[in-house]
């Protein structure tokens, strides 16, 4: 009986750790599909993040929930496994297109 209770508690903790947070209203401009050569970043309103990057023949992919914003930067991950996306230039409109620079790469939001 004690083992079953411990197992249920562990499963509940893992499920809570996997939950992300929705994008706050003051960061709504981040929501959308952002692209550049070799990089794409999808941020949904509910806080789901899908990231792909091809660099020097290596592919990096992340499909995880948003954990939160720290200034312009944001954390993505599950439990202790967290990646911070450094936002060098936050979302802004430029010549009719929305742009944002993440980890040194200028991205353009798809229409």
N, C-alpha and C. Protein backbone atom coordinates (compact mmCIF):
# COMPACT_ATOMS: atom_id res chain seq x y z
N UNK A 1 0.82 -1.19 0.00
CA UNK A 1 0.00 0.00 0.00
C UNK A 1 0.87 1.26 0.00
N UNK A 2 1.91 1.26 0.79
CA UNK A 2 2.81 2.40 0.86
C UNK A 2 3.47 2.66 -0.50
N UNK A 3 3.86 1.58 -1.20
CA UNK A 3 4.48 1.69 -2.52
C UNK A 3 3.51 2.32 -3.53
N UNK A 4 2.26 1.93 -3.50
CA UNK A 4 1.25 2.48 -4.42
C UNK A 4 1.07 3.98 -4.17
N UNK A 5 1.00 4.37 -2.92
CA UNK A 5 0.85 5.78 -2.58
C UNK A 5 2.06 6.58 -3.05
N UNK A 6 3.24 6.04 -2.86
CA UNK A 6 4.47 6.70 -3.30
C UNK A 6 4.49 6.82 -4.83
N UNK A 7 4.08 5.77 -5.53
CA UNK A 7 4.05 5.80 -7.00
C UNK A 7 3.06 6.84 -7.50
N UNK A 8 1.89 6.92 -6.91
CA UNK A 8 0.88 7.90 -7.31
C UNK A 8 1.40 9.33 -7.07
N UNK A 9 2.03 9.53 -5.93
CA UNK A 9 2.59 10.84 -5.62
C UNK A 9 3.68 11.23 -6.61
N UNK A 10 4.54 10.30 -6.97
CA UNK A 10 5.61 10.55 -7.94
C UNK A 10 5.03 10.90 -9.31
N UNK A 11 4.03 10.17 -9.75
CA UNK A 11 3.39 10.44 -11.05
C UNK A 11 2.74 11.82 -11.03
N UNK A 12 2.08 12.17 -9.95
CA UNK A 12 1.43 13.49 -9.85
C UNK A 12 2.48 14.61 -9.90
N UNK A 13 3.62 14.41 -9.24
CA UNK A 13 4.67 15.43 -9.26
C UNK A 13 5.25 15.59 -10.66
N UNK A 14 5.44 14.48 -11.37
CA UNK A 14 5.96 14.56 -12.73
C UNK A 14 4.98 15.26 -13.67
N UNK A 15 3.69 15.00 -13.49
CA UNK A 15 2.69 15.66 -14.34
C UNK A 15 2.66 17.16 -14.08
N UNK A 16 2.78 17.57 -12.82
CA UNK A 16 2.80 19.00 -12.51
C UNK A 16 4.05 19.67 -13.05
N UNK A 17 5.18 18.96 -13.00
CA UNK A 17 6.43 19.53 -13.51
C UNK A 17 6.38 19.71 -15.02
N UNK A 18 5.58 18.90 -15.72
CA UNK A 18 5.49 18.97 -17.18
C UNK A 18 4.58 20.10 -17.65
N UNK A 19 3.75 20.62 -16.77
CA UNK A 19 2.83 21.69 -17.15
C UNK A 19 3.58 22.98 -17.41
N UNK A 20 3.19 23.64 -18.46
CA UNK A 20 3.78 24.93 -18.77
C UNK A 20 2.85 26.05 -18.37
N UNK A 21 3.26 27.24 -18.68
CA UNK A 21 2.43 28.41 -18.41
C UNK A 21 2.06 29.06 -19.74
N UNK A 22 0.92 29.70 -19.76
CA UNK A 22 0.49 30.42 -20.96
C UNK A 22 1.34 31.68 -21.12
N UNK A 23 1.43 32.17 -22.34
CA UNK A 23 2.17 33.40 -22.60
C UNK A 23 1.41 34.56 -21.96
N UNK A 24 2.06 35.33 -21.10
CA UNK A 24 1.37 36.45 -20.45
C UNK A 24 0.92 37.50 -21.49
N UNK A 25 -0.12 38.21 -21.16
CA UNK A 25 -0.68 39.21 -22.08
C UNK A 25 0.36 40.24 -22.50
N UNK A 26 1.25 40.64 -21.59
CA UNK A 26 2.25 41.65 -21.95
C UNK A 26 3.35 41.11 -22.87
N UNK A 27 3.33 39.79 -23.12
CA UNK A 27 4.29 39.17 -24.04
C UNK A 27 3.58 38.56 -25.26
N UNK A 28 2.35 39.00 -25.52
CA UNK A 28 1.55 38.45 -26.62
C UNK A 28 2.23 38.58 -27.98
N UNK A 29 3.09 39.58 -28.15
CA UNK A 29 3.78 39.77 -29.43
C UNK A 29 4.73 38.60 -29.74
N UNK A 30 5.10 37.81 -28.75
CA UNK A 30 5.98 36.65 -28.97
C UNK A 30 5.25 35.50 -29.66
N UNK A 31 3.93 35.46 -29.54
CA UNK A 31 3.15 34.34 -30.08
C UNK A 31 3.20 34.36 -31.61
N UNK A 32 3.48 33.19 -32.19
CA UNK A 32 3.50 33.05 -33.63
C UNK A 32 4.59 32.10 -34.08
N UNK A 33 4.70 31.97 -35.38
CA UNK A 33 5.74 31.13 -35.98
C UNK A 33 6.82 32.05 -36.53
N UNK A 34 8.02 31.91 -36.01
CA UNK A 34 9.16 32.76 -36.35
C UNK A 34 10.16 31.93 -37.14
N UNK A 35 10.70 32.52 -38.22
CA UNK A 35 11.61 31.76 -39.08
C UNK A 35 12.81 32.59 -39.54
N UNK A 36 13.90 31.87 -39.78
CA UNK A 36 15.11 32.40 -40.42
C UNK A 36 15.76 31.19 -41.10
N UNK A 37 16.74 31.43 -41.96
CA UNK A 37 17.45 30.32 -42.57
C UNK A 37 18.05 29.44 -41.48
N UNK A 38 17.68 28.18 -41.44
CA UNK A 38 18.23 27.23 -40.50
C UNK A 38 17.62 27.25 -39.11
N UNK A 39 16.58 28.06 -38.91
CA UNK A 39 15.97 28.14 -37.57
C UNK A 39 14.48 28.44 -37.65
N UNK A 40 13.70 27.76 -36.82
CA UNK A 40 12.28 28.07 -36.69
C UNK A 40 11.89 27.96 -35.22
N UNK A 41 10.96 28.80 -34.82
CA UNK A 41 10.51 28.86 -33.44
C UNK A 41 9.01 29.13 -33.44
N UNK A 42 8.25 28.17 -32.92
CA UNK A 42 6.80 28.32 -32.80
C UNK A 42 6.47 28.53 -31.33
N UNK A 43 5.77 29.61 -31.04
CA UNK A 43 5.32 29.92 -29.69
C UNK A 43 3.80 30.06 -29.75
N UNK A 44 3.09 29.18 -29.04
CA UNK A 44 1.63 29.25 -29.04
C UNK A 44 1.15 29.99 -27.81
N UNK A 45 -0.06 30.49 -27.88
CA UNK A 45 -0.64 31.27 -26.79
C UNK A 45 -0.70 30.46 -25.49
N UNK A 46 -0.91 29.14 -25.61
CA UNK A 46 -1.00 28.31 -24.40
C UNK A 46 0.37 27.97 -23.80
N UNK A 47 1.45 28.42 -24.45
CA UNK A 47 2.78 28.21 -23.91
C UNK A 47 3.52 27.01 -24.45
N UNK A 48 3.06 26.44 -25.55
CA UNK A 48 3.79 25.35 -26.19
C UNK A 48 4.88 25.95 -27.08
N UNK A 49 6.08 25.36 -27.01
CA UNK A 49 7.22 25.85 -27.78
C UNK A 49 7.75 24.71 -28.63
N UNK A 50 7.94 24.98 -29.92
CA UNK A 50 8.58 24.02 -30.84
C UNK A 50 9.71 24.77 -31.54
N UNK A 51 10.93 24.28 -31.36
CA UNK A 51 12.13 24.95 -31.85
C UNK A 51 12.96 23.97 -32.66
N UNK A 52 13.44 24.41 -33.82
CA UNK A 52 14.35 23.62 -34.65
C UNK A 52 15.48 24.54 -35.12
N UNK A 53 16.70 24.02 -35.05
CA UNK A 53 17.83 24.79 -35.56
C UNK A 53 18.85 23.86 -36.17
N UNK A 54 19.31 24.22 -37.37
CA UNK A 54 20.35 23.49 -38.06
C UNK A 54 21.57 24.39 -38.11
N UNK A 55 22.68 23.91 -37.52
CA UNK A 55 23.89 24.70 -37.49
C UNK A 55 25.10 23.77 -37.56
N UNK A 56 25.97 24.06 -38.54
CA UNK A 56 27.21 23.29 -38.72
C UNK A 56 26.92 21.79 -38.83
N UNK A 57 25.86 21.44 -39.54
CA UNK A 57 25.52 20.04 -39.76
C UNK A 57 24.82 19.35 -38.61
N UNK A 58 24.60 20.05 -37.52
CA UNK A 58 23.92 19.46 -36.36
C UNK A 58 22.53 20.08 -36.21
N UNK A 59 21.56 19.25 -35.86
CA UNK A 59 20.20 19.71 -35.69
C UNK A 59 19.83 19.68 -34.21
N UNK A 60 19.27 20.77 -33.74
CA UNK A 60 18.77 20.87 -32.37
C UNK A 60 17.26 21.06 -32.44
N UNK A 61 16.53 20.27 -31.65
CA UNK A 61 15.07 20.39 -31.62
C UNK A 61 14.60 20.38 -30.17
N UNK A 62 13.62 21.22 -29.89
CA UNK A 62 13.00 21.26 -28.57
C UNK A 62 11.49 21.37 -28.78
N UNK A 63 10.77 20.53 -28.09
CA UNK A 63 9.30 20.56 -28.10
C UNK A 63 8.90 20.44 -26.64
N UNK A 64 8.66 21.58 -25.99
CA UNK A 64 8.44 21.58 -24.55
C UNK A 64 7.59 22.79 -24.15
N UNK A 65 7.08 22.78 -22.93
CA UNK A 65 6.27 23.91 -22.48
C UNK A 65 7.11 25.10 -22.01
N UNK A 66 6.50 26.25 -22.10
CA UNK A 66 7.08 27.49 -21.58
C UNK A 66 7.05 27.43 -20.06
N UNK A 67 8.19 27.76 -19.44
CA UNK A 67 8.26 27.80 -17.98
C UNK A 67 8.09 29.22 -17.46
N UNK A 68 8.45 30.22 -18.27
CA UNK A 68 8.27 31.59 -17.84
C UNK A 68 9.22 32.55 -18.52
N UNK A 69 8.95 33.83 -18.36
CA UNK A 69 9.77 34.91 -18.92
C UNK A 69 10.61 35.53 -17.81
N UNK A 70 11.79 35.98 -18.19
CA UNK A 70 12.68 36.75 -17.31
C UNK A 70 13.13 37.94 -18.12
N UNK A 71 12.42 39.04 -17.98
CA UNK A 71 12.66 40.18 -18.86
C UNK A 71 12.19 39.79 -20.25
N UNK A 72 13.06 39.93 -21.25
CA UNK A 72 12.71 39.54 -22.61
C UNK A 72 13.00 38.07 -22.88
N UNK A 73 13.88 37.46 -22.09
CA UNK A 73 14.26 36.05 -22.27
C UNK A 73 13.16 35.14 -21.74
N UNK A 74 13.17 33.87 -22.21
CA UNK A 74 12.19 32.92 -21.70
C UNK A 74 12.80 31.54 -21.53
N UNK A 75 12.26 30.80 -20.55
CA UNK A 75 12.71 29.45 -20.24
C UNK A 75 11.70 28.45 -20.75
N UNK A 76 12.22 27.35 -21.28
CA UNK A 76 11.41 26.27 -21.83
C UNK A 76 11.93 24.96 -21.24
N UNK A 77 11.04 24.05 -20.89
CA UNK A 77 11.52 22.75 -20.44
C UNK A 77 10.53 22.03 -19.55
N UNK A 78 11.01 20.88 -19.06
CA UNK A 78 10.21 20.03 -18.19
C UNK A 78 11.05 19.74 -16.95
N UNK A 79 10.50 20.07 -15.79
CA UNK A 79 11.21 19.81 -14.55
C UNK A 79 12.55 20.53 -14.53
N UNK A 80 13.61 19.79 -14.15
CA UNK A 80 14.93 20.42 -14.06
C UNK A 80 15.60 20.62 -15.42
N UNK A 81 15.04 20.05 -16.47
CA UNK A 81 15.61 20.19 -17.82
C UNK A 81 15.07 21.46 -18.45
N UNK A 82 15.87 22.52 -18.41
CA UNK A 82 15.43 23.83 -18.86
C UNK A 82 16.43 24.43 -19.84
N UNK A 83 15.89 25.08 -20.87
CA UNK A 83 16.69 25.83 -21.83
C UNK A 83 16.23 27.28 -21.78
N UNK A 84 17.17 28.20 -21.74
CA UNK A 84 16.83 29.62 -21.76
C UNK A 84 17.09 30.16 -23.16
N UNK A 85 16.09 30.80 -23.73
CA UNK A 85 16.21 31.46 -25.02
C UNK A 85 16.54 32.93 -24.75
N UNK A 86 17.71 33.35 -25.20
CA UNK A 86 18.17 34.73 -25.03
C UNK A 86 17.57 35.58 -26.13
N UNK A 87 16.73 36.53 -25.77
CA UNK A 87 16.10 37.41 -26.74
C UNK A 87 16.92 38.70 -26.79
N UNK A 88 17.73 38.82 -27.85
CA UNK A 88 18.58 39.99 -28.02
C UNK A 88 17.78 41.23 -28.38
N UNK A 89 16.76 41.04 -29.24
CA UNK A 89 15.87 42.13 -29.64
C UNK A 89 14.44 41.57 -29.57
N UNK A 90 13.58 42.13 -28.70
CA UNK A 90 12.21 41.62 -28.57
C UNK A 90 11.39 41.88 -29.83
N UNK A 91 10.22 41.23 -29.94
CA UNK A 91 9.37 41.41 -31.11
C UNK A 91 9.06 42.89 -31.36
N UNK A 92 9.19 43.27 -32.64
CA UNK A 92 8.90 44.65 -33.03
C UNK A 92 8.54 44.65 -34.52
N UNK A 93 7.77 45.64 -34.91
CA UNK A 93 7.38 45.76 -36.32
C UNK A 93 8.41 46.63 -37.04
N UNK A 94 8.82 46.13 -38.20
CA UNK A 94 9.83 46.83 -39.00
C UNK A 94 9.44 46.68 -40.47
N UNK A 95 9.15 47.78 -41.11
CA UNK A 95 8.77 47.80 -42.54
C UNK A 95 7.63 46.81 -42.82
N UNK A 96 6.63 46.78 -41.93
CA UNK A 96 5.46 45.94 -42.15
C UNK A 96 5.63 44.48 -41.77
N UNK A 97 6.81 44.10 -41.24
CA UNK A 97 7.04 42.72 -40.82
C UNK A 97 7.41 42.71 -39.34
N UNK A 98 7.02 41.64 -38.65
CA UNK A 98 7.39 41.48 -37.25
C UNK A 98 8.70 40.72 -37.18
N UNK A 99 9.64 41.26 -36.41
CA UNK A 99 10.97 40.67 -36.26
C UNK A 99 11.31 40.53 -34.79
N UNK A 100 12.20 39.58 -34.52
CA UNK A 100 12.72 39.35 -33.18
C UNK A 100 14.06 38.66 -33.34
N UNK A 101 15.02 38.98 -32.49
CA UNK A 101 16.33 38.33 -32.55
C UNK A 101 16.49 37.45 -31.31
N UNK A 102 16.67 36.15 -31.56
CA UNK A 102 16.80 35.15 -30.50
C UNK A 102 18.13 34.43 -30.67
N UNK A 103 18.89 34.36 -29.61
CA UNK A 103 20.20 33.69 -29.64
C UNK A 103 21.05 34.17 -30.81
N UNK A 104 20.96 35.49 -31.10
CA UNK A 104 21.78 36.10 -32.14
C UNK A 104 21.25 35.93 -33.55
N UNK A 105 20.07 35.32 -33.72
CA UNK A 105 19.49 35.10 -35.06
C UNK A 105 18.25 35.96 -35.22
N UNK A 106 18.21 36.78 -36.28
CA UNK A 106 17.02 37.59 -36.54
C UNK A 106 15.96 36.71 -37.20
N UNK A 107 14.81 36.65 -36.55
CA UNK A 107 13.68 35.84 -37.03
C UNK A 107 12.57 36.78 -37.52
N UNK A 108 11.80 36.32 -38.49
CA UNK A 108 10.64 37.04 -38.99
C UNK A 108 9.40 36.20 -38.74
N UNK A 109 8.35 36.83 -38.21
CA UNK A 109 7.11 36.09 -37.95
C UNK A 109 6.38 35.83 -39.26
N UNK A 110 5.97 34.58 -39.45
CA UNK A 110 5.20 34.18 -40.63
C UNK A 110 3.80 34.74 -40.54
N UNK A 111 3.21 34.95 -41.70
CA UNK A 111 1.83 35.50 -41.73
C UNK A 111 0.81 34.43 -41.61
